[in-house]
Amino acid sequence: GWSSAFLFVALLGLLGLMMSAYSVKRSESQIEISFVDAAGVIRNRTVLMILILTAVFMTGHNIAYSFLEGYLDSLPSIDALDISESLLVFGLAGLFSSFLFAVLYQKHPRTLIITAIILAAVSILAVPISGKFVIIVVCFIWGGSITMINIIFQKEAMLSVERTYAPLATAMLSGTINLGIALGSLMGSVLVDMSGYTVLYLIGGCLVIVSLAYYFIAFRTFTYR
C-alpha cells in the first residue's frame, strides 16, 4: 500500500545521503553571512518583488493543489488510475517546462512569465468543469506552469544580488515557496470544510490572477537578465 511506497522513498533518500557523504569532498565555507547581510538581501527591490509575487502565486496554487487528489476521488467518473495518471502528468510536465525555459527565456522572458501565470490560473479555474480525459490535459498545463514560474524566479533572484549572496536569495525564495505551501494548505482546509471542493479552485485561481496583476504593476520596468 501507500505506506510501503513512503518507506521505499525514505530508503532511497537515506541511500542518496550516504552516497553523498562518501563521495562529495568536504568544502569549508569561504564566506560568513550575518543577519545584517540577510536584511540587506531582502531589502533588494528585485528580491522583495519576487518574494511577494511568489508568496501570492504559490498560496493560490496550493489552495487548489493540496486537495486535488481528494477532489478527484470524490468524482464518480474518475477512478484511482485516472487520479494517478493526472498527478503523474502534473509532475512530468515540469520536464517539458524546463526545456521551454532553456529555449525561450532569454528572448521572451516577459511573455513566458505572463503566459505561465495565465495558464496556471486558467487551469486551476478549469478543474471543477473538467471531465475524465480533460483533467489530464489541465494537470499537464498546470504542472508545467508552476515549474516554469519557479525556475524563472529562482534564476532572477540569484542574479539580482552579488554572487556571494546568491545562495541566500535562493534560500529566501525556497522559504517563501514553503510558506505558500503552508498557507495554501491551511486556507484550503478551512475553505473545503466551509464550502466544499469547488470553491477552492475559484479562490486559488483568483489569487493567481492577483499575482498576475501584481506582476504587471511591480515588474513593468524590470530588466531581465
C-alpha atoms as a PDB file:
ATOM      1  CA  GLY A   1       0.000   0.000   0.000  1.00  0.00           C
ATOM      2  CA  TRP A   2       0.897   3.669   0.275  1.00  0.00           C
ATOM      3  CA  SER A   3       2.979   3.111   3.427  1.00  0.00           C
ATOM      4  CA  SER A   4       5.323   0.793   1.509  1.00  0.00           C
ATOM      5  CA  ALA A   5       5.805   3.483  -1.142  1.00  0.00           C
ATOM      6  CA  PHE A   6       6.777   6.034   1.527  1.00  0.00           C
ATOM      7  CA  LEU A   7       9.174   3.553   3.104  1.00  0.00           C
ATOM      8  CA  PHE A   8      10.798   2.894  -0.276  1.00  0.00           C
ATOM      9  CA  VAL A   9      11.252   6.619  -0.949  1.00  0.00           C
ATOM     10  CA  ALA A  10      12.707   7.120   2.544  1.00  0.00           C
ATOM     11  CA  LEU A  11      15.209   4.306   1.975  1.00  0.00           C
ATOM     12  CA  LEU A  12      16.215   5.799  -1.373  1.00  0.00           C
ATOM     13  CA  GLY A  13      16.735   9.164   0.319  1.00  0.00           C
ATOM     14  CA  LEU A  14      18.873   7.569   3.013  1.00  0.00           C
ATOM     15  CA  LEU A  15      20.913   5.767   0.376  1.00  0.00           C
ATOM     16  CA  GLY A  16      21.418   9.030  -1.515  1.00  0.00           C
ATOM     17  CA  LEU A  17      22.549  10.764   1.676  1.00  0.00           C
ATOM     18  CA  MET A  18      25.089   8.021   2.432  1.00  0.00           C
ATOM     19  CA  MET A  19      26.448   8.127  -1.124  1.00  0.00           C
ATOM     20  CA  SER A  20      26.772  11.910  -0.976  1.00  0.00           C
ATOM     21  CA  ALA A  21      28.547  11.806   2.372  1.00  0.00           C
ATOM     22  CA  TYR A  22      31.006   9.267   0.979  1.00  0.00           C
ATOM     23  CA  SER A  23      31.649  10.747  -2.469  1.00  0.00           C
ATOM     24  CA  VAL A  24      31.395  14.546  -2.073  1.00  0.00           C
ATOM     25  CA  LYS A  25      34.586  16.243  -0.907  1.00  0.00           C
ATOM     26  CA  ARG A  26      34.466  18.302   2.259  1.00  0.00           C
ATOM     27  CA  SER A  27      34.425  22.034   1.491  1.00  0.00           C
ATOM     28  CA  GLU A  28      34.700  24.784   4.055  1.00  0.00           C
ATOM     29  CA  SER A  29      32.583  27.891   3.570  1.00  0.00           C
ATOM     30  CA  GLN A  30      34.552  30.828   2.193  1.00  0.00           C
ATOM     31  CA  ILE A  31      32.142  33.463   3.480  1.00  0.00           C
ATOM     32  CA  GLU A  32      30.188  34.275   6.604  1.00  0.00           C
ATOM     33  CA  ILE A  33      26.659  35.602   6.207  1.00  0.00           C
ATOM     34  CA  SER A  34      25.157  37.557   9.079  1.00  0.00           C
ATOM     35  CA  PHE A  35      21.621  38.714   9.855  1.00  0.00           C
ATOM     36  CA  VAL A  36      22.652  42.125   8.567  1.00  0.00           C
ATOM     37  CA  ASP A  37      23.525  40.536   5.212  1.00  0.00           C
ATOM     38  CA  ALA A  38      20.178  38.744   5.159  1.00  0.00           C
ATOM     39  CA  ALA A  39      18.358  42.002   5.839  1.00  0.00           C
ATOM     40  CA  GLY A  40      20.295  43.634   3.023  1.00  0.00           C
ATOM     41  CA  VAL A  41      19.259  40.901   0.576  1.00  0.00           C
ATOM     42  CA  ILE A  42      15.598  41.125   1.472  1.00  0.00           C
ATOM     43  CA  ARG A  43      15.752  44.929   1.062  1.00  0.00           C
ATOM     44  CA  ASN A  44      16.896  44.367  -2.506  1.00  0.00           C
ATOM     45  CA  ARG A  45      13.909  45.602  -4.536  1.00  0.00           C
ATOM     46  CA  THR A  46      14.039  42.796  -7.085  1.00  0.00           C
ATOM     47  CA  VAL A  47      14.297  40.080  -4.447  1.00  0.00           C
ATOM     48  CA  LEU A  48      11.437  41.599  -2.471  1.00  0.00           C
ATOM     49  CA  MET A  49       9.195  41.802  -5.555  1.00  0.00           C
ATOM     50  CA  ILE A  50       9.956  38.189  -6.431  1.00  0.00           C
ATOM     51  CA  LEU A  51       9.209  37.036  -2.874  1.00  0.00           C
ATOM     52  CA  ILE A  52       5.868  38.859  -2.761  1.00  0.00           C
ATOM     53  CA  LEU A  53       4.763  37.552  -6.150  1.00  0.00           C
ATOM     54  CA  THR A  54       5.891  34.031  -5.273  1.00  0.00           C
ATOM     55  CA  ALA A  55       4.035  34.079  -1.951  1.00  0.00           C
ATOM     56  CA  VAL A  56       0.740  35.107  -3.567  1.00  0.00           C
ATOM     57  CA  PHE A  57       1.143  32.803  -6.565  1.00  0.00           C
ATOM     58  CA  MET A  58       2.151  29.730  -4.552  1.00  0.00           C
ATOM     59  CA  THR A  59      -0.600  30.283  -1.973  1.00  0.00           C
ATOM     60  CA  GLY A  60      -3.206  30.318  -4.737  1.00  0.00           C
ATOM     61  CA  HIS A  61      -1.676  27.262  -6.357  1.00  0.00           C
ATOM     62  CA  ASN A  62      -1.539  25.270  -3.139  1.00  0.00           C
ATOM     63  CA  ILE A  63      -5.077  26.140  -2.074  1.00  0.00           C
ATOM     64  CA  ALA A  64      -6.107  24.188  -5.166  1.00  0.00           C
ATOM     65  CA  TYR A  65      -3.372  21.574  -5.454  1.00  0.00           C
ATOM     66  CA  SER A  66      -3.348  20.401  -1.834  1.00  0.00           C
ATOM     67  CA  PHE A  67      -6.836  18.978  -2.248  1.00  0.00           C
ATOM     68  CA  LEU A  68      -6.670  17.941  -5.895  1.00  0.00           C
ATOM     69  CA  GLU A  69      -6.460  14.229  -5.144  1.00  0.00           C
ATOM     70  CA  GLY A  70      -9.338  14.415  -2.678  1.00  0.00           C
ATOM     71  CA  TYR A  71     -11.490  16.330  -5.144  1.00  0.00           C
ATOM     72  CA  LEU A  72     -10.815  13.919  -7.999  1.00  0.00           C
ATOM     73  CA  ASP A  73     -11.510  10.984  -5.695  1.00  0.00           C
ATOM     74  CA  SER A  74     -14.934  12.450  -4.920  1.00  0.00           C
ATOM     75  CA  LEU A  75     -15.955  12.346  -8.599  1.00  0.00           C
ATOM     76  CA  PRO A  76     -17.771   9.150  -9.631  1.00  0.00           C
ATOM     77  CA  SER A  77     -16.454   9.367 -13.200  1.00  0.00           C
ATOM     78  CA  ILE A  78     -12.798   9.297 -12.142  1.00  0.00           C
ATOM     79  CA  ASP A  79     -11.166   6.195 -10.683  1.00  0.00           C
ATOM     80  CA  ALA A  80      -7.891   5.640  -8.816  1.00  0.00           C
ATOM     81  CA  LEU A  81      -5.942   5.039 -12.033  1.00  0.00           C
ATOM     82  CA  ASP A  82      -7.163   8.338 -13.506  1.00  0.00           C
ATOM     83  CA  ILE A  83      -6.016  10.159 -10.369  1.00  0.00           C
ATOM     84  CA  SER A  84      -2.568   8.551 -10.513  1.00  0.00           C
ATOM     85  CA  GLU A  85      -2.224   9.419 -14.200  1.00  0.00           C
ATOM     86  CA  SER A  86      -3.260  13.039 -13.587  1.00  0.00           C
ATOM     87  CA  LEU A  87      -0.744  13.511 -10.761  1.00  0.00           C
ATOM     88  CA  LEU A  88       1.990  11.776 -12.770  1.00  0.00           C
ATOM     89  CA  VAL A  89       1.355  14.050 -15.752  1.00  0.00           C
ATOM     90  CA  PHE A  90       1.394  17.069 -13.411  1.00  0.00           C
ATOM     91  CA  GLY A  91       4.914  16.167 -12.325  1.00  0.00           C
ATOM     92  CA  LEU A  92       6.239  15.159 -15.742  1.00  0.00           C
ATOM     93  CA  ALA A  93       5.108  18.478 -17.201  1.00  0.00           C
ATOM     94  CA  GLY A  94       7.979  20.074 -15.321  1.00  0.00           C
ATOM     95  CA  LEU A  95      10.475  18.400 -17.650  1.00  0.00           C
ATOM     96  CA  PHE A  96       8.760  19.981 -20.645  1.00  0.00           C
ATOM     97  CA  SER A  97       8.761  23.377 -18.904  1.00  0.00           C
ATOM     98  CA  SER A  98      12.476  23.128 -18.200  1.00  0.00           C
ATOM     99  CA  PHE A  99      13.105  22.583 -21.907  1.00  0.00           C
ATOM    100  CA  LEU A 100      10.906  25.547 -22.871  1.00  0.00           C
ATOM    101  CA  PHE A 101      12.676  27.739 -20.329  1.00  0.00           C
ATOM    102  CA  ALA A 102      16.088  26.883 -21.779  1.00  0.00           C
ATOM    103  CA  VAL A 103      14.924  27.610 -25.322  1.00  0.00           C
ATOM    104  CA  LEU A 104      12.695  30.674 -24.898  1.00  0.00           C
ATOM    105  CA  TYR A 105      13.510  32.617 -21.747  1.00  0.00           C
ATOM    106  CA  GLN A 106      16.456  34.683 -22.968  1.00  0.00           C
ATOM    107  CA  LYS A 107      14.452  36.019 -25.937  1.00  0.00           C
ATOM    108  CA  HIS A 108      10.942  36.236 -24.461  1.00  0.00           C
ATOM    109  CA  PRO A 109      11.141  36.459 -20.633  1.00  0.00           C
ATOM    110  CA  ARG A 110       8.126  38.696 -20.070  1.00  0.00           C
ATOM    111  CA  THR A 111       5.905  36.740 -22.464  1.00  0.00           C
ATOM    112  CA  LEU A 112       6.907  33.469 -20.841  1.00  0.00           C
ATOM    113  CA  ILE A 113       6.121  34.712 -17.317  1.00  0.00           C
ATOM    114  CA  ILE A 114       2.741  36.191 -18.279  1.00  0.00           C
ATOM    115  CA  THR A 115       1.777  33.079 -20.234  1.00  0.00           C
ATOM    116  CA  ALA A 116       2.760  30.757 -17.370  1.00  0.00           C
ATOM    117  CA  ILE A 117       0.739  32.713 -14.793  1.00  0.00           C
ATOM    118  CA  ILE A 118      -2.312  32.940 -17.071  1.00  0.00           C
ATOM    119  CA  LEU A 119      -2.175  29.226 -17.889  1.00  0.00           C
ATOM    120  CA  ALA A 120      -1.861  28.373 -14.186  1.00  0.00           C
ATOM    121  CA  ALA A 121      -4.915  30.495 -13.349  1.00  0.00           C
ATOM    122  CA  VAL A 122      -6.990  29.088 -16.219  1.00  0.00           C
ATOM    123  CA  SER A 123      -6.003  25.514 -15.327  1.00  0.00           C
ATOM    124  CA  ILE A 124      -6.973  25.944 -11.680  1.00  0.00           C
ATOM    125  CA  LEU A 125     -10.311  27.520 -12.581  1.00  0.00           C
ATOM    126  CA  ALA A 126     -10.947  24.747 -15.133  1.00  0.00           C
ATOM    127  CA  VAL A 127     -10.549  21.843 -12.717  1.00  0.00           C
ATOM    128  CA  PRO A 128     -14.196  21.802 -11.484  1.00  0.00           C
ATOM    129  CA  ILE A 129     -15.540  21.682 -15.050  1.00  0.00           C
ATOM    130  CA  SER A 130     -13.037  19.128 -16.385  1.00  0.00           C
ATOM    131  CA  GLY A 131     -14.059  15.594 -17.203  1.00  0.00           C
ATOM    132  CA  LYS A 132     -12.224  12.286 -17.144  1.00  0.00           C
ATOM    133  CA  PHE A 133      -9.817  12.995 -20.016  1.00  0.00           C
ATOM    134  CA  VAL A 134      -9.695  16.777 -19.950  1.00  0.00           C
ATOM    135  CA  ILE A 135      -8.352  16.764 -16.372  1.00  0.00           C
ATOM    136  CA  ILE A 136      -5.141  15.105 -17.582  1.00  0.00           C
ATOM    137  CA  VAL A 137      -4.557  17.933 -20.070  1.00  0.00           C
ATOM    138  CA  VAL A 138      -5.391  20.504 -17.390  1.00  0.00           C
ATOM    139  CA  CYS A 139      -2.906  18.915 -14.970  1.00  0.00           C
ATOM    140  CA  PHE A 140      -0.182  18.925 -17.641  1.00  0.00           C
ATOM    141  CA  ILE A 141      -0.650  22.635 -18.346  1.00  0.00           C
ATOM    142  CA  TRP A 142      -0.981  23.469 -14.647  1.00  0.00           C
ATOM    143  CA  GLY A 143       2.099  21.488 -13.599  1.00  0.00           C
ATOM    144  CA  GLY A 144       4.185  22.941 -16.386  1.00  0.00           C
ATOM    145  CA  SER A 145       3.184  26.487 -15.477  1.00  0.00           C
ATOM    146  CA  ILE A 146       4.137  26.039 -11.821  1.00  0.00           C
ATOM    147  CA  THR A 147       7.560  24.666 -12.711  1.00  0.00           C
ATOM    148  CA  MET A 148       8.151  27.473 -15.195  1.00  0.00           C
ATOM    149  CA  ILE A 149       7.445  30.207 -12.628  1.00  0.00           C
ATOM    150  CA  ASN A 150       9.662  28.541 -10.024  1.00  0.00           C
ATOM    151  CA  ILE A 151      12.591  28.218 -12.443  1.00  0.00           C
ATOM    152  CA  ILE A 152      12.278  31.777 -13.728  1.00  0.00           C
ATOM    153  CA  PHE A 153      12.186  33.464 -10.352  1.00  0.00           C
ATOM    154  CA  GLN A 154      14.925  31.289  -8.926  1.00  0.00           C
ATOM    155  CA  LYS A 155      17.153  32.486 -11.772  1.00  0.00           C
ATOM    156  CA  GLU A 156      16.168  36.135 -11.356  1.00  0.00           C
ATOM    157  CA  ALA A 157      16.591  36.007  -7.569  1.00  0.00           C
ATOM    158  CA  MET A 158      20.101  34.566  -7.920  1.00  0.00           C
ATOM    159  CA  LEU A 159      21.169  37.178 -10.473  1.00  0.00           C
ATOM    160  CA  SER A 160      19.651  40.144  -8.642  1.00  0.00           C
ATOM    161  CA  VAL A 161      22.279  40.069  -5.877  1.00  0.00           C
ATOM    162  CA  GLU A 162      26.047  39.746  -5.695  1.00  0.00           C
ATOM    163  CA  ARG A 163      27.285  36.233  -6.351  1.00  0.00           C
ATOM    164  CA  THR A 164      28.299  35.873  -2.713  1.00  0.00           C
ATOM    165  CA  TYR A 165      24.696  36.278  -1.591  1.00  0.00           C
ATOM    166  CA  ALA A 166      23.036  34.235  -4.354  1.00  0.00           C
ATOM    167  CA  PRO A 167      22.584  31.185  -2.063  1.00  0.00           C
ATOM    168  CA  LEU A 168      20.868  33.422   0.486  1.00  0.00           C
ATOM    169  CA  ALA A 169      18.476  34.812  -2.135  1.00  0.00           C
ATOM    170  CA  THR A 170      17.540  31.329  -3.351  1.00  0.00           C
ATOM    171  CA  ALA A 171      17.106  30.142   0.240  1.00  0.00           C
ATOM    172  CA  MET A 172      14.672  33.001   0.852  1.00  0.00           C
ATOM    173  CA  LEU A 173      12.794  32.039  -2.302  1.00  0.00           C
ATOM    174  CA  SER A 174      12.603  28.411  -1.174  1.00  0.00           C
ATOM    175  CA  GLY A 175      11.322  29.554   2.210  1.00  0.00           C
ATOM    176  CA  THR A 176       8.678  31.691   0.508  1.00  0.00           C
ATOM    177  CA  ILE A 177       7.569  28.721  -1.608  1.00  0.00           C
ATOM    178  CA  ASN A 178       7.226  26.648   1.566  1.00  0.00           C
ATOM    179  CA  LEU A 179       5.265  29.493   3.140  1.00  0.00           C
ATOM    180  CA  GLY A 180       2.921  29.407   0.153  1.00  0.00           C
ATOM    181  CA  ILE A 181       2.510  25.655   0.593  1.00  0.00           C
ATOM    182  CA  ALA A 182       1.668  26.066   4.281  1.00  0.00           C
ATOM    183  CA  LEU A 183      -0.713  28.996   3.803  1.00  0.00           C
ATOM    184  CA  GLY A 184      -2.382  27.359   0.815  1.00  0.00           C
ATOM    185  CA  SER A 185      -2.928  24.103   2.671  1.00  0.00           C
ATOM    186  CA  LEU A 186      -4.263  25.911   5.744  1.00  0.00           C
ATOM    187  CA  MET A 187      -6.607  28.160   3.791  1.00  0.00           C
ATOM    188  CA  GLY A 188      -7.696  25.233   1.643  1.00  0.00           C
ATOM    189  CA  SER A 189      -8.583  23.107   4.661  1.00  0.00           C
ATOM    190  CA  VAL A 190     -10.722  25.917   6.065  1.00  0.00           C
ATOM    191  CA  LEU A 191     -12.430  26.562   2.732  1.00  0.00           C
ATOM    192  CA  VAL A 192     -13.146  22.911   1.994  1.00  0.00           C
ATOM    193  CA  ASP A 193     -14.745  22.462   5.426  1.00  0.00           C
ATOM    194  CA  MET A 194     -16.871  25.559   4.938  1.00  0.00           C
ATOM    195  CA  SER A 195     -17.863  25.351   1.284  1.00  0.00           C
ATOM    196  CA  GLY A 196     -16.653  22.145  -0.332  1.00  0.00           C
ATOM    197  CA  TYR A 197     -14.090  21.497  -3.033  1.00  0.00           C
ATOM    198  CA  THR A 198     -15.320  23.719  -5.862  1.00  0.00           C
ATOM    199  CA  VAL A 199     -14.694  26.986  -4.032  1.00  0.00           C
ATOM    200  CA  LEU A 200     -11.018  26.015  -3.613  1.00  0.00           C
ATOM    201  CA  TYR A 201     -10.425  26.354  -7.316  1.00  0.00           C
ATOM    202  CA  LEU A 202     -12.261  29.653  -7.543  1.00  0.00           C
ATOM    203  CA  ILE A 203     -10.267  31.200  -4.680  1.00  0.00           C
ATOM    204  CA  GLY A 204      -6.992  29.629  -5.782  1.00  0.00           C
ATOM    205  CA  GLY A 205      -7.430  30.778  -9.373  1.00  0.00           C
ATOM    206  CA  CYS A 206      -8.332  34.290  -8.255  1.00  0.00           C
ATOM    207  CA  LEU A 207      -5.199  34.531  -6.100  1.00  0.00           C
ATOM    208  CA  VAL A 208      -3.068  33.518  -9.067  1.00  0.00           C
ATOM    209  CA  ILE A 209      -4.783  36.272 -11.079  1.00  0.00           C
ATOM    210  CA  VAL A 210      -3.930  38.704  -8.252  1.00  0.00           C
ATOM    211  CA  SER A 211      -0.281  37.664  -8.605  1.00  0.00           C
ATOM    212  CA  LEU A 212      -0.507  38.470 -12.327  1.00  0.00           C
ATOM    213  CA  ALA A 213      -1.888  41.932 -11.540  1.00  0.00           C
ATOM    214  CA  TYR A 214       0.975  42.476  -9.099  1.00  0.00           C
ATOM    215  CA  TYR A 215       3.434  41.392 -11.788  1.00  0.00           C
ATOM    216  CA  PHE A 216       2.092  43.979 -14.242  1.00  0.00           C
ATOM    217  CA  ILE A 217       2.390  46.710 -11.607  1.00  0.00           C
ATOM    218  CA  ALA A 218       5.692  45.849  -9.915  1.00  0.00           C
ATOM    219  CA  PHE A 219       7.663  44.466 -12.863  1.00  0.00           C
ATOM    220  CA  ARG A 220       6.686  46.976 -15.535  1.00  0.00           C
ATOM    221  CA  THR A 221      10.216  48.440 -15.673  1.00  0.00           C
ATOM    222  CA  PHE A 222      12.051  45.273 -14.654  1.00  0.00           C
ATOM    223  CA  THR A 223      15.250  44.397 -16.525  1.00  0.00           C
ATOM    224  CA  TYR A 224      15.558  40.670 -17.196  1.00  0.00           C
ATOM    225  CA  ARG A 225      18.941  39.021 -17.020  1.00  0.00           C
END
